């Protein structure tokens, strides 16, 4: 089970995630997010994770090519384009700049569910309101879950990640609000508990 901890802004939380066994750490750089990281915070997470986990730049309101150039400039391994702001041409533009791009979307947007449909390496299926911590009805995936490298997110926590994995059998899981004590405030204890629960699932 591939595990990503998203919305990190400190080296300490990145190290906690990696020591617990996470495979990726995400840094959000949306203009309006409570989890928005500065360039310096992003660099700290990247440096703490280098060689130990994939570092993922997550955006939903930045032009794709600019996001790709930001990912390259700061040294991220992966760019994750999240939500309705991005179409197939945006992925093509990003892939001209960086080699690894992930597509994050919601079933509400009626997206193509084939991994790689827009050139992405990984497909991530999230709740309609990403980052809200709201759970969504995973039964919608019962007869149309993607094949291959796809992840599930949205309302996951240490208490329910095993249930989610059992329900839809994703390649990986992604969490942000489920390891927070308040929006944007990560908990080392919850990070450890989530990774351990996910790896046991």
N, C-alpha and C. Protein backbone atom coordinates (compact mmCIF):
# COMPACT_ATOMS: atom_id res chain seq x y z
N UNK A 1 0.84 -1.19 0.00
CA UNK A 1 0.00 0.00 0.00
C UNK A 1 0.88 1.25 0.00
N UNK A 2 0.73 2.05 -1.03
CA UNK A 2 1.46 3.31 -1.15
C UNK A 2 0.73 4.36 -0.32
N UNK A 3 1.47 5.08 0.52
CA UNK A 3 0.86 6.03 1.46
C UNK A 3 1.45 7.42 1.24
N UNK A 4 0.57 8.40 1.04
CA UNK A 4 0.98 9.80 0.88
C UNK A 4 0.37 10.64 1.99
N UNK A 5 1.21 11.44 2.63
CA UNK A 5 0.77 12.40 3.63
C UNK A 5 0.87 13.78 2.98
N UNK A 6 -0.25 14.48 2.90
CA UNK A 6 -0.29 15.72 2.13
C UNK A 6 -0.47 16.94 3.05
N UNK A 7 -0.13 18.10 2.49
CA UNK A 7 -0.32 19.35 3.21
C UNK A 7 0.75 19.64 4.24
N UNK A 8 1.96 19.11 4.04
CA UNK A 8 3.04 19.31 5.01
C UNK A 8 3.75 20.64 4.76
N UNK A 9 4.23 21.22 5.87
CA UNK A 9 4.95 22.49 5.78
C UNK A 9 6.22 22.51 6.62
N UNK A 10 6.52 21.40 7.32
CA UNK A 10 7.71 21.39 8.15
C UNK A 10 8.54 20.14 7.90
N UNK A 11 9.84 20.28 8.10
CA UNK A 11 10.74 19.13 7.97
C UNK A 11 10.42 18.08 9.01
N UNK A 12 10.04 18.50 10.21
CA UNK A 12 9.74 17.54 11.29
C UNK A 12 8.59 16.63 10.91
N UNK A 13 7.53 17.19 10.36
CA UNK A 13 6.39 16.36 9.97
C UNK A 13 6.73 15.46 8.79
N UNK A 14 7.56 15.94 7.88
CA UNK A 14 8.01 15.09 6.78
C UNK A 14 8.82 13.91 7.31
N UNK A 15 9.72 14.18 8.24
CA UNK A 15 10.53 13.11 8.82
C UNK A 15 9.66 12.11 9.57
N UNK A 16 8.64 12.63 10.30
CA UNK A 16 7.73 11.74 11.01
C UNK A 16 7.03 10.79 10.04
N UNK A 17 6.53 11.35 8.94
CA UNK A 17 5.83 10.53 7.95
C UNK A 17 6.74 9.46 7.37
N UNK A 18 7.95 9.86 7.03
CA UNK A 18 8.89 8.92 6.41
C UNK A 18 9.32 7.84 7.39
N UNK A 19 9.60 8.24 8.61
CA UNK A 19 10.00 7.25 9.63
C UNK A 19 8.88 6.25 9.90
N UNK A 20 7.63 6.70 9.76
CA UNK A 20 6.50 5.79 9.97
C UNK A 20 6.31 4.84 8.79
N UNK A 21 6.87 5.20 7.63
CA UNK A 21 6.78 4.33 6.47
C UNK A 21 6.05 4.91 5.28
N UNK A 22 5.73 6.22 5.28
CA UNK A 22 5.06 6.84 4.14
C UNK A 22 5.97 6.83 2.92
N UNK A 23 5.35 6.75 1.76
CA UNK A 23 6.09 6.70 0.49
C UNK A 23 6.15 8.05 -0.21
N UNK A 24 5.27 8.98 0.19
CA UNK A 24 5.23 10.30 -0.45
C UNK A 24 4.77 11.34 0.56
N UNK A 25 5.26 12.56 0.36
CA UNK A 25 4.80 13.71 1.14
C UNK A 25 4.38 14.79 0.15
N UNK A 26 3.25 15.43 0.46
CA UNK A 26 2.73 16.46 -0.41
C UNK A 26 2.82 17.83 0.21
N UNK A 27 3.09 18.82 -0.63
CA UNK A 27 3.14 20.22 -0.22
C UNK A 27 2.13 20.98 -1.07
N UNK A 28 1.21 21.67 -0.41
CA UNK A 28 0.15 22.41 -1.10
C UNK A 28 0.60 23.85 -1.30
N UNK A 29 0.45 24.35 -2.51
CA UNK A 29 0.81 25.75 -2.79
C UNK A 29 -0.33 26.48 -3.49
N UNK A 30 -1.58 26.11 -3.15
CA UNK A 30 -2.74 26.85 -3.64
C UNK A 30 -2.80 28.21 -2.97
N UNK A 31 -3.27 29.20 -3.68
CA UNK A 31 -3.31 30.56 -3.13
C UNK A 31 -4.23 30.69 -1.92
N UNK A 32 -5.32 29.92 -1.88
CA UNK A 32 -6.34 30.12 -0.84
C UNK A 32 -6.38 29.03 0.22
N UNK A 33 -5.45 28.11 0.22
CA UNK A 33 -5.50 26.99 1.15
C UNK A 33 -4.92 27.33 2.51
N UNK A 34 -5.54 26.78 3.57
CA UNK A 34 -4.99 26.91 4.92
C UNK A 34 -3.68 26.15 5.04
N UNK A 35 -3.40 25.28 4.10
CA UNK A 35 -2.19 24.47 4.13
C UNK A 35 -1.12 25.02 3.19
N UNK A 36 -1.34 26.20 2.65
CA UNK A 36 -0.41 26.76 1.68
C UNK A 36 0.98 26.91 2.28
N UNK A 37 1.97 26.39 1.57
CA UNK A 37 3.37 26.47 2.00
C UNK A 37 4.09 27.57 1.24
N UNK A 38 5.03 28.17 1.90
CA UNK A 38 5.92 29.12 1.24
C UNK A 38 7.02 28.35 0.51
N UNK A 39 7.78 29.05 -0.32
CA UNK A 39 8.91 28.40 -0.99
C UNK A 39 9.87 27.81 0.03
N UNK A 40 10.16 28.56 1.09
CA UNK A 40 11.11 28.08 2.10
C UNK A 40 10.57 26.85 2.82
N UNK A 41 9.27 26.84 3.13
CA UNK A 41 8.69 25.65 3.77
C UNK A 41 8.74 24.46 2.83
N UNK A 42 8.44 24.69 1.56
CA UNK A 42 8.51 23.60 0.59
C UNK A 42 9.91 23.03 0.50
N UNK A 43 10.90 23.91 0.45
CA UNK A 43 12.29 23.43 0.37
C UNK A 43 12.66 22.62 1.60
N UNK A 44 12.17 23.01 2.78
CA UNK A 44 12.48 22.27 4.00
C UNK A 44 11.91 20.86 3.95
N UNK A 45 10.68 20.74 3.46
CA UNK A 45 10.07 19.41 3.33
C UNK A 45 10.82 18.57 2.31
N UNK A 46 11.17 19.18 1.20
CA UNK A 46 11.90 18.45 0.15
C UNK A 46 13.24 17.97 0.67
N UNK A 47 13.97 18.83 1.34
CA UNK A 47 15.29 18.45 1.85
C UNK A 47 15.19 17.33 2.87
N UNK A 48 14.18 17.38 3.73
CA UNK A 48 14.01 16.34 4.75
C UNK A 48 13.61 15.00 4.14
N UNK A 49 13.06 15.03 2.94
CA UNK A 49 12.52 13.82 2.32
C UNK A 49 13.39 13.26 1.21
N UNK A 50 14.40 14.01 0.82
CA UNK A 50 15.18 13.64 -0.36
C UNK A 50 15.74 12.23 -0.27
N UNK A 51 15.43 11.42 -1.28
CA UNK A 51 15.94 10.06 -1.33
C UNK A 51 15.15 9.07 -0.50
N UNK A 52 14.17 9.56 0.28
CA UNK A 52 13.41 8.67 1.16
C UNK A 52 11.94 8.56 0.78
N UNK A 53 11.40 9.56 0.10
CA UNK A 53 9.99 9.56 -0.29
C UNK A 53 9.81 10.46 -1.49
N UNK A 54 8.77 10.20 -2.27
CA UNK A 54 8.41 11.11 -3.35
C UNK A 54 7.93 12.42 -2.76
N UNK A 55 8.40 13.53 -3.31
CA UNK A 55 7.91 14.84 -2.90
C UNK A 55 6.98 15.36 -3.98
N UNK A 56 5.78 15.78 -3.57
CA UNK A 56 4.70 16.08 -4.51
C UNK A 56 4.22 17.52 -4.30
N UNK A 57 4.30 18.33 -5.34
CA UNK A 57 3.71 19.67 -5.32
C UNK A 57 2.25 19.55 -5.73
N UNK A 58 1.34 20.02 -4.87
CA UNK A 58 -0.09 19.91 -5.10
C UNK A 58 -0.66 21.30 -5.37
N UNK A 59 -1.33 21.46 -6.51
CA UNK A 59 -1.93 22.76 -6.86
C UNK A 59 -3.32 22.54 -7.44
N UNK A 60 -4.19 23.55 -7.24
CA UNK A 60 -5.49 23.50 -7.91
C UNK A 60 -5.90 24.83 -8.52
N UNK A 61 -5.05 25.86 -8.36
CA UNK A 61 -5.41 27.17 -8.89
C UNK A 61 -4.23 27.89 -9.53
N UNK A 62 -3.22 27.13 -9.91
CA UNK A 62 -2.03 27.69 -10.54
C UNK A 62 -1.97 27.19 -11.98
N UNK A 63 -1.74 28.05 -12.96
CA UNK A 63 -1.63 27.56 -14.33
C UNK A 63 -0.65 26.38 -14.42
N UNK A 64 -1.03 25.39 -15.22
CA UNK A 64 -0.28 24.13 -15.23
C UNK A 64 1.19 24.31 -15.56
N UNK A 65 1.48 25.10 -16.58
CA UNK A 65 2.88 25.26 -16.96
C UNK A 65 3.66 25.98 -15.87
N UNK A 66 3.05 26.98 -15.25
CA UNK A 66 3.71 27.68 -14.14
C UNK A 66 3.93 26.73 -12.96
N UNK A 67 2.93 25.89 -12.69
CA UNK A 67 3.07 24.90 -11.62
C UNK A 67 4.22 23.95 -11.90
N UNK A 68 4.33 23.52 -13.14
CA UNK A 68 5.42 22.61 -13.51
C UNK A 68 6.78 23.28 -13.34
N UNK A 69 6.86 24.54 -13.73
CA UNK A 69 8.13 25.25 -13.58
C UNK A 69 8.45 25.48 -12.09
N UNK A 70 7.42 25.69 -11.29
CA UNK A 70 7.62 25.82 -9.84
C UNK A 70 8.12 24.51 -9.26
N UNK A 71 7.52 23.41 -9.67
CA UNK A 71 7.95 22.10 -9.19
C UNK A 71 9.41 21.85 -9.55
N UNK A 72 9.79 22.20 -10.77
CA UNK A 72 11.17 22.00 -11.20
C UNK A 72 12.13 22.92 -10.44
N UNK A 73 11.72 24.17 -10.27
CA UNK A 73 12.59 25.14 -9.59
C UNK A 73 12.85 24.76 -8.14
N UNK A 74 11.82 24.26 -7.45
CA UNK A 74 11.97 23.93 -6.03
C UNK A 74 12.55 22.53 -5.82
N UNK A 75 12.49 21.69 -6.83
CA UNK A 75 13.07 20.35 -6.71
C UNK A 75 12.12 19.25 -6.33
N UNK A 76 10.82 19.44 -6.60
CA UNK A 76 9.85 18.37 -6.34
C UNK A 76 10.05 17.22 -7.32
N UNK A 77 9.69 16.02 -6.86
CA UNK A 77 9.73 14.85 -7.74
C UNK A 77 8.52 14.78 -8.66
N UNK A 78 7.37 15.24 -8.15
CA UNK A 78 6.09 15.04 -8.83
C UNK A 78 5.27 16.32 -8.76
N UNK A 79 4.48 16.58 -9.80
CA UNK A 79 3.48 17.64 -9.79
C UNK A 79 2.11 17.00 -9.80
N UNK A 80 1.26 17.39 -8.85
CA UNK A 80 -0.13 16.89 -8.80
C UNK A 80 -1.07 18.03 -9.16
N UNK A 81 -1.74 17.90 -10.30
CA UNK A 81 -2.74 18.87 -10.74
C UNK A 81 -4.10 18.40 -10.26
N UNK A 82 -4.76 19.23 -9.48
CA UNK A 82 -5.92 18.78 -8.72
C UNK A 82 -7.18 19.55 -9.10
N UNK A 83 -8.16 18.85 -9.66
CA UNK A 83 -9.47 19.44 -9.80
C UNK A 83 -9.86 19.95 -11.17
N UNK A 84 -10.96 20.70 -11.16
CA UNK A 84 -11.64 21.09 -12.40
C UNK A 84 -10.88 22.13 -13.20
N UNK A 85 -9.86 22.76 -12.63
CA UNK A 85 -9.14 23.81 -13.35
C UNK A 85 -8.29 23.26 -14.49
N UNK A 86 -8.07 21.95 -14.51
CA UNK A 86 -7.11 21.37 -15.46
C UNK A 86 -7.77 20.39 -16.42
N UNK A 87 -7.41 20.53 -17.68
CA UNK A 87 -7.87 19.60 -18.70
C UNK A 87 -6.70 18.88 -19.33
N UNK A 88 -6.99 18.12 -20.35
CA UNK A 88 -5.97 17.28 -20.98
C UNK A 88 -4.81 18.12 -21.51
N UNK A 89 -5.10 19.29 -22.07
CA UNK A 89 -4.03 20.13 -22.60
C UNK A 89 -3.12 20.66 -21.50
N UNK A 90 -3.68 20.87 -20.31
CA UNK A 90 -2.85 21.32 -19.19
C UNK A 90 -1.84 20.24 -18.78
N UNK A 91 -2.27 19.01 -18.83
CA UNK A 91 -1.35 17.92 -18.49
C UNK A 91 -0.25 17.80 -19.54
N UNK A 92 -0.63 17.99 -20.78
CA UNK A 92 0.38 17.95 -21.84
C UNK A 92 1.39 19.07 -21.66
N UNK A 93 0.92 20.27 -21.29
CA UNK A 93 1.83 21.39 -21.08
C UNK A 93 2.76 21.13 -19.90
N UNK A 94 2.21 20.58 -18.81
CA UNK A 94 3.04 20.29 -17.64
C UNK A 94 4.10 19.25 -17.95
N UNK A 95 3.71 18.24 -18.74
CA UNK A 95 4.64 17.16 -19.06
C UNK A 95 5.76 17.60 -20.00
N UNK A 96 5.60 18.74 -20.62
CA UNK A 96 6.70 19.30 -21.40
C UNK A 96 7.81 19.82 -20.49
N UNK A 97 7.47 20.08 -19.22
CA UNK A 97 8.40 20.70 -18.28
C UNK A 97 8.93 19.71 -17.25
N UNK A 98 8.05 18.84 -16.74
CA UNK A 98 8.45 17.87 -15.72
C UNK A 98 8.03 16.47 -16.17
N UNK A 99 8.76 15.44 -15.77
CA UNK A 99 8.46 14.10 -16.28
C UNK A 99 7.35 13.36 -15.55
N UNK A 100 7.03 13.80 -14.31
CA UNK A 100 6.06 13.05 -13.51
C UNK A 100 4.92 13.97 -13.09
N UNK A 101 3.72 13.63 -13.55
CA UNK A 101 2.53 14.41 -13.22
C UNK A 101 1.43 13.45 -12.77
N UNK A 102 0.75 13.81 -11.68
CA UNK A 102 -0.39 13.04 -11.17
C UNK A 102 -1.66 13.83 -11.42
N UNK A 103 -2.76 13.11 -11.67
CA UNK A 103 -4.07 13.73 -11.88
C UNK A 103 -4.97 13.43 -10.69
N UNK A 104 -5.44 14.47 -10.02
CA UNK A 104 -6.36 14.32 -8.89
C UNK A 104 -7.70 14.93 -9.27
N UNK A 105 -8.77 14.18 -9.03
CA UNK A 105 -10.08 14.61 -9.47
C UNK A 105 -11.16 13.99 -8.59
N UNK A 106 -12.40 14.34 -8.88
CA UNK A 106 -13.55 13.81 -8.15
C UNK A 106 -14.50 13.16 -9.14
N UNK A 107 -15.22 12.15 -8.68
CA UNK A 107 -16.21 11.52 -9.55
C UNK A 107 -17.29 12.51 -9.97
N UNK A 108 -17.51 13.55 -9.17
CA UNK A 108 -18.51 14.57 -9.53
C UNK A 108 -18.18 15.26 -10.85
N UNK A 109 -16.92 15.25 -11.24
CA UNK A 109 -16.50 15.90 -12.48
C UNK A 109 -16.59 14.96 -13.68
N UNK A 110 -17.05 13.73 -13.45
CA UNK A 110 -17.19 12.72 -14.50
C UNK A 110 -15.89 12.58 -15.30
N UNK A 111 -14.79 12.32 -14.60
CA UNK A 111 -13.49 12.27 -15.28
C UNK A 111 -13.27 10.93 -15.97
N UNK A 112 -12.35 10.88 -16.91
CA UNK A 112 -11.92 9.56 -17.40
C UNK A 112 -11.25 8.80 -16.25
N UNK A 113 -11.62 7.55 -16.07
CA UNK A 113 -11.11 6.77 -14.94
C UNK A 113 -9.98 5.83 -15.32
N UNK A 114 -9.47 5.98 -16.53
CA UNK A 114 -8.32 5.18 -16.93
C UNK A 114 -7.05 5.87 -16.46
N UNK A 115 -6.24 5.15 -15.72
CA UNK A 115 -4.95 5.72 -15.30
C UNK A 115 -4.11 5.98 -16.54
N UNK A 116 -3.62 7.21 -16.66
CA UNK A 116 -2.83 7.58 -17.81
C UNK A 116 -3.63 8.20 -18.93
N UNK A 117 -4.94 8.40 -18.74
CA UNK A 117 -5.79 8.94 -19.81
C UNK A 117 -5.29 10.29 -20.30
N UNK A 118 -4.72 11.09 -19.40
CA UNK A 118 -4.19 12.41 -19.79
C UNK A 118 -2.67 12.46 -19.63
N UNK A 119 -2.06 11.29 -19.66
CA UNK A 119 -0.61 11.23 -19.57
C UNK A 119 -0.08 11.16 -18.16
N UNK A 120 -0.98 11.10 -17.18
CA UNK A 120 -0.54 11.10 -15.78
C UNK A 120 0.05 9.74 -15.37
N UNK A 121 0.92 9.81 -14.38
CA UNK A 121 1.54 8.61 -13.83
C UNK A 121 0.62 7.92 -12.83
N UNK A 122 -0.10 8.71 -12.04
CA UNK A 122 -0.99 8.21 -10.99
C UNK A 122 -2.30 8.99 -11.07
N UNK A 123 -3.41 8.30 -10.83
CA UNK A 123 -4.73 8.92 -10.74
C UNK A 123 -5.16 8.90 -9.28
N UNK A 124 -5.62 10.06 -8.78
CA UNK A 124 -6.08 10.16 -7.40
C UNK A 124 -7.54 10.57 -7.41
N UNK A 125 -8.40 9.80 -6.75
CA UNK A 125 -9.82 10.11 -6.66
C UNK A 125 -10.13 10.65 -5.28
N UNK A 126 -10.65 11.87 -5.23
CA UNK A 126 -10.85 12.61 -3.99
C UNK A 126 -12.33 12.94 -3.81
N UNK A 127 -12.64 13.49 -2.64
CA UNK A 127 -13.98 13.97 -2.36
C UNK A 127 -14.30 15.18 -3.24
N UNK A 128 -15.59 15.51 -3.39
CA UNK A 128 -15.94 16.69 -4.19
C UNK A 128 -15.31 17.98 -3.69
N UNK A 129 -15.10 18.09 -2.37
CA UNK A 129 -14.43 19.27 -1.79
C UNK A 129 -13.08 18.83 -1.25
N UNK A 130 -12.03 18.87 -2.07
CA UNK A 130 -10.72 18.38 -1.62
C UNK A 130 -10.21 19.17 -0.43
N UNK A 131 -9.62 18.44 0.53
CA UNK A 131 -9.06 19.09 1.71
C UNK A 131 -10.08 19.39 2.79
N UNK A 132 -11.35 19.05 2.53
CA UNK A 132 -12.41 19.38 3.49
C UNK A 132 -12.49 18.36 4.63
N UNK A 133 -11.93 17.19 4.41
CA UNK A 133 -12.07 16.13 5.40
C UNK A 133 -13.39 15.39 5.31
N UNK A 134 -14.20 15.74 4.30
CA UNK A 134 -15.50 15.10 4.14
C UNK A 134 -15.35 13.74 3.47
N UNK A 135 -16.02 12.76 4.03
CA UNK A 135 -16.03 11.44 3.41
C UNK A 135 -16.98 11.45 2.21
N UNK A 136 -16.74 10.53 1.30
CA UNK A 136 -17.64 10.40 0.17
C UNK A 136 -17.98 8.93 -0.01
N UNK A 137 -18.99 8.68 -0.81
CA UNK A 137 -19.55 7.34 -0.94
C UNK A 137 -18.67 6.48 -1.85
N UNK A 138 -17.84 5.67 -1.24
CA UNK A 138 -16.94 4.84 -2.02
C UNK A 138 -17.67 3.74 -2.79
N UNK A 139 -18.92 3.51 -2.44
CA UNK A 139 -19.67 2.49 -3.18
C UNK A 139 -19.85 2.89 -4.64
N UNK A 140 -19.66 4.20 -4.93
CA UNK A 140 -19.72 4.65 -6.32
C UNK A 140 -18.63 4.00 -7.18
N UNK A 141 -17.60 3.48 -6.51
CA UNK A 141 -16.50 2.83 -7.23
C UNK A 141 -16.64 1.32 -7.29
N UNK A 142 -17.72 0.81 -6.73
CA UNK A 142 -17.85 -0.64 -6.59
C UNK A 142 -17.68 -1.39 -7.90
N UNK A 143 -18.26 -0.85 -8.98
CA UNK A 143 -18.18 -1.57 -10.25
C UNK A 143 -17.39 -0.81 -11.31
N UNK A 144 -16.65 0.22 -10.89
CA UNK A 144 -15.84 0.95 -11.88
C UNK A 144 -14.54 1.50 -11.30
N UNK A 145 -14.00 0.80 -10.33
CA UNK A 145 -12.71 1.22 -9.78
C UNK A 145 -11.64 1.11 -10.87
N UNK A 146 -10.73 2.07 -10.93
CA UNK A 146 -9.67 2.00 -11.95
C UNK A 146 -8.75 0.81 -11.71
N UNK A 147 -8.02 0.47 -12.73
CA UNK A 147 -6.95 -0.52 -12.62
C UNK A 147 -5.62 0.22 -12.50
N UNK A 148 -4.65 -0.40 -11.87
CA UNK A 148 -3.30 0.16 -11.86
C UNK A 148 -3.04 1.12 -10.73
N UNK A 149 -2.22 2.12 -11.01
CA UNK A 149 -1.70 3.01 -9.98
C UNK A 149 -2.68 4.15 -9.71
N UNK A 150 -3.65 3.88 -8.85
CA UNK A 150 -4.63 4.90 -8.48
C UNK A 150 -4.75 4.95 -6.96
N UNK A 151 -5.08 6.14 -6.47
CA UNK A 151 -5.16 6.37 -5.03
C UNK A 151 -6.54 6.89 -4.67
N UNK A 152 -6.91 6.67 -3.42
CA UNK A 152 -8.15 7.21 -2.91
C UNK A 152 -7.83 8.20 -1.79
N UNK A 153 -8.62 9.28 -1.73
CA UNK A 153 -8.46 10.31 -0.71
C UNK A 153 -9.85 10.85 -0.37
N UNK A 154 -9.91 11.69 0.65
CA UNK A 154 -11.17 12.32 1.00
C UNK A 154 -11.77 11.74 2.26
N UNK A 155 -11.58 12.44 3.36
CA UNK A 155 -12.18 12.01 4.62
C UNK A 155 -11.52 10.81 5.27
N UNK A 156 -10.32 10.44 4.82
CA UNK A 156 -9.63 9.32 5.43
C UNK A 156 -9.00 9.74 6.75
N UNK A 157 -8.86 8.76 7.64
CA UNK A 157 -8.27 8.99 8.96
C UNK A 157 -7.68 7.68 9.45
N UNK A 158 -6.94 7.72 10.56
CA UNK A 158 -6.43 6.46 11.10
C UNK A 158 -7.55 5.47 11.43
N UNK A 159 -8.73 5.99 11.75
CA UNK A 159 -9.84 5.13 12.17
C UNK A 159 -10.55 4.45 11.01
N UNK A 160 -10.49 5.04 9.80
CA UNK A 160 -11.30 4.47 8.72
C UNK A 160 -10.52 4.06 7.47
N UNK A 161 -9.20 4.23 7.48
CA UNK A 161 -8.45 3.95 6.25
C UNK A 161 -8.53 2.47 5.89
N UNK A 162 -8.51 1.60 6.89
CA UNK A 162 -8.59 0.18 6.56
C UNK A 162 -9.93 -0.17 5.90
N UNK A 163 -11.00 0.42 6.41
CA UNK A 163 -12.32 0.20 5.82
C UNK A 163 -12.35 0.65 4.36
N UNK A 164 -11.73 1.81 4.08
CA UNK A 164 -11.70 2.33 2.71
C UNK A 164 -10.92 1.40 1.80
N UNK A 165 -9.79 0.92 2.26
CA UNK A 165 -8.97 0.02 1.46
C UNK A 165 -9.71 -1.28 1.18
N UNK A 166 -10.36 -1.81 2.19
CA UNK A 166 -11.13 -3.05 2.01
C UNK A 166 -12.25 -2.86 0.99
N UNK A 167 -12.83 -1.65 0.97
CA UNK A 167 -13.99 -1.40 0.11
C UNK A 167 -13.62 -1.30 -1.36
N UNK A 168 -12.50 -0.64 -1.68
CA UNK A 168 -12.21 -0.35 -3.09
C UNK A 168 -10.85 -0.82 -3.58
N UNK A 169 -10.01 -1.31 -2.70
CA UNK A 169 -8.72 -1.90 -3.08
C UNK A 169 -7.87 -0.98 -3.95
N UNK A 170 -7.58 0.22 -3.49
CA UNK A 170 -6.74 1.11 -4.28
C UNK A 170 -5.27 0.68 -4.22
N UNK A 171 -4.49 1.24 -5.12
CA UNK A 171 -3.03 1.06 -5.07
C UNK A 171 -2.43 1.86 -3.92
N UNK A 172 -3.07 3.00 -3.60
CA UNK A 172 -2.53 3.86 -2.54
C UNK A 172 -3.60 4.69 -1.89
N UNK A 173 -3.22 5.35 -0.80
CA UNK A 173 -4.12 6.24 -0.06
C UNK A 173 -3.41 7.56 0.20
N UNK A 174 -4.21 8.61 0.33
CA UNK A 174 -3.69 9.97 0.51
C UNK A 174 -4.51 10.63 1.62
N UNK A 175 -3.84 11.32 2.52
CA UNK A 175 -4.54 11.98 3.63
C UNK A 175 -3.96 13.35 3.88
N UNK A 176 -4.81 14.28 4.32
CA UNK A 176 -4.34 15.59 4.77
C UNK A 176 -5.08 15.98 6.04
N UNK A 177 -6.38 16.33 5.92
CA UNK A 177 -7.12 16.78 7.09
C UNK A 177 -7.26 15.69 8.15
N UNK A 178 -7.20 14.44 7.74
CA UNK A 178 -7.36 13.33 8.69
C UNK A 178 -6.20 13.16 9.63
N UNK A 179 -5.11 13.91 9.42
CA UNK A 179 -3.97 13.86 10.35
C UNK A 179 -3.71 15.26 10.92
N UNK A 180 -4.80 16.03 11.07
CA UNK A 180 -4.69 17.39 11.60
C UNK A 180 -5.53 17.57 12.85
N UNK A 181 -5.11 18.50 13.70
CA UNK A 181 -5.90 18.89 14.86
C UNK A 181 -6.76 20.11 14.55
N UNK A 182 -6.42 20.84 13.49
CA UNK A 182 -7.17 21.98 12.98
C UNK A 182 -6.70 22.17 11.54
N UNK A 183 -7.47 22.89 10.72
CA UNK A 183 -7.04 23.05 9.33
C UNK A 183 -5.62 23.60 9.20
N UNK A 184 -4.77 22.80 8.57
CA UNK A 184 -3.39 23.19 8.37
C UNK A 184 -2.45 22.86 9.51
N UNK A 185 -2.98 22.30 10.61
CA UNK A 185 -2.15 21.99 11.78
C UNK A 185 -1.98 20.48 11.90
N UNK A 186 -0.85 19.99 11.40
CA UNK A 186 -0.60 18.56 11.41
C UNK A 186 -0.23 18.05 12.80
N UNK A 187 -0.56 16.78 13.05
CA UNK A 187 -0.23 16.10 14.31
C UNK A 187 0.72 14.95 14.01
N UNK A 188 1.87 14.95 14.65
CA UNK A 188 2.82 13.84 14.45
C UNK A 188 2.20 12.52 14.87
N UNK A 189 1.44 12.53 15.96
CA UNK A 189 0.81 11.30 16.44
C UNK A 189 -0.19 10.75 15.42
N UNK A 190 -1.00 11.65 14.84
CA UNK A 190 -1.97 11.19 13.85
C UNK A 190 -1.29 10.74 12.56
N UNK A 191 -0.22 11.41 12.18
CA UNK A 191 0.53 10.97 10.99
C UNK A 191 1.02 9.55 11.18
N UNK A 192 1.65 9.30 12.33
CA UNK A 192 2.15 7.94 12.60
C UNK A 192 1.02 6.92 12.62
N UNK A 193 -0.08 7.28 13.27
CA UNK A 193 -1.21 6.35 13.38
C UNK A 193 -1.81 6.04 12.01
N UNK A 194 -1.90 7.06 11.13
CA UNK A 194 -2.46 6.83 9.81
C UNK A 194 -1.57 5.92 8.99
N UNK A 195 -0.29 6.22 8.96
CA UNK A 195 0.61 5.39 8.15
C UNK A 195 0.59 3.95 8.63
N UNK A 196 0.63 3.76 9.93
CA UNK A 196 0.61 2.39 10.47
C UNK A 196 -0.68 1.67 10.09
N UNK A 197 -1.81 2.36 10.21
CA UNK A 197 -3.10 1.74 9.87
C UNK A 197 -3.18 1.43 8.38
N UNK A 198 -2.69 2.34 7.55
CA UNK A 198 -2.74 2.12 6.10
C UNK A 198 -1.86 0.95 5.70
N UNK A 199 -0.68 0.86 6.27
CA UNK A 199 0.24 -0.22 5.90
C UNK A 199 -0.28 -1.58 6.37
N UNK A 200 -1.11 -1.58 7.40
CA UNK A 200 -1.70 -2.85 7.87
C UNK A 200 -2.92 -3.24 7.07
N UNK A 201 -3.48 -2.29 6.32
CA UNK A 201 -4.75 -2.53 5.62
C UNK A 201 -4.56 -3.56 4.49
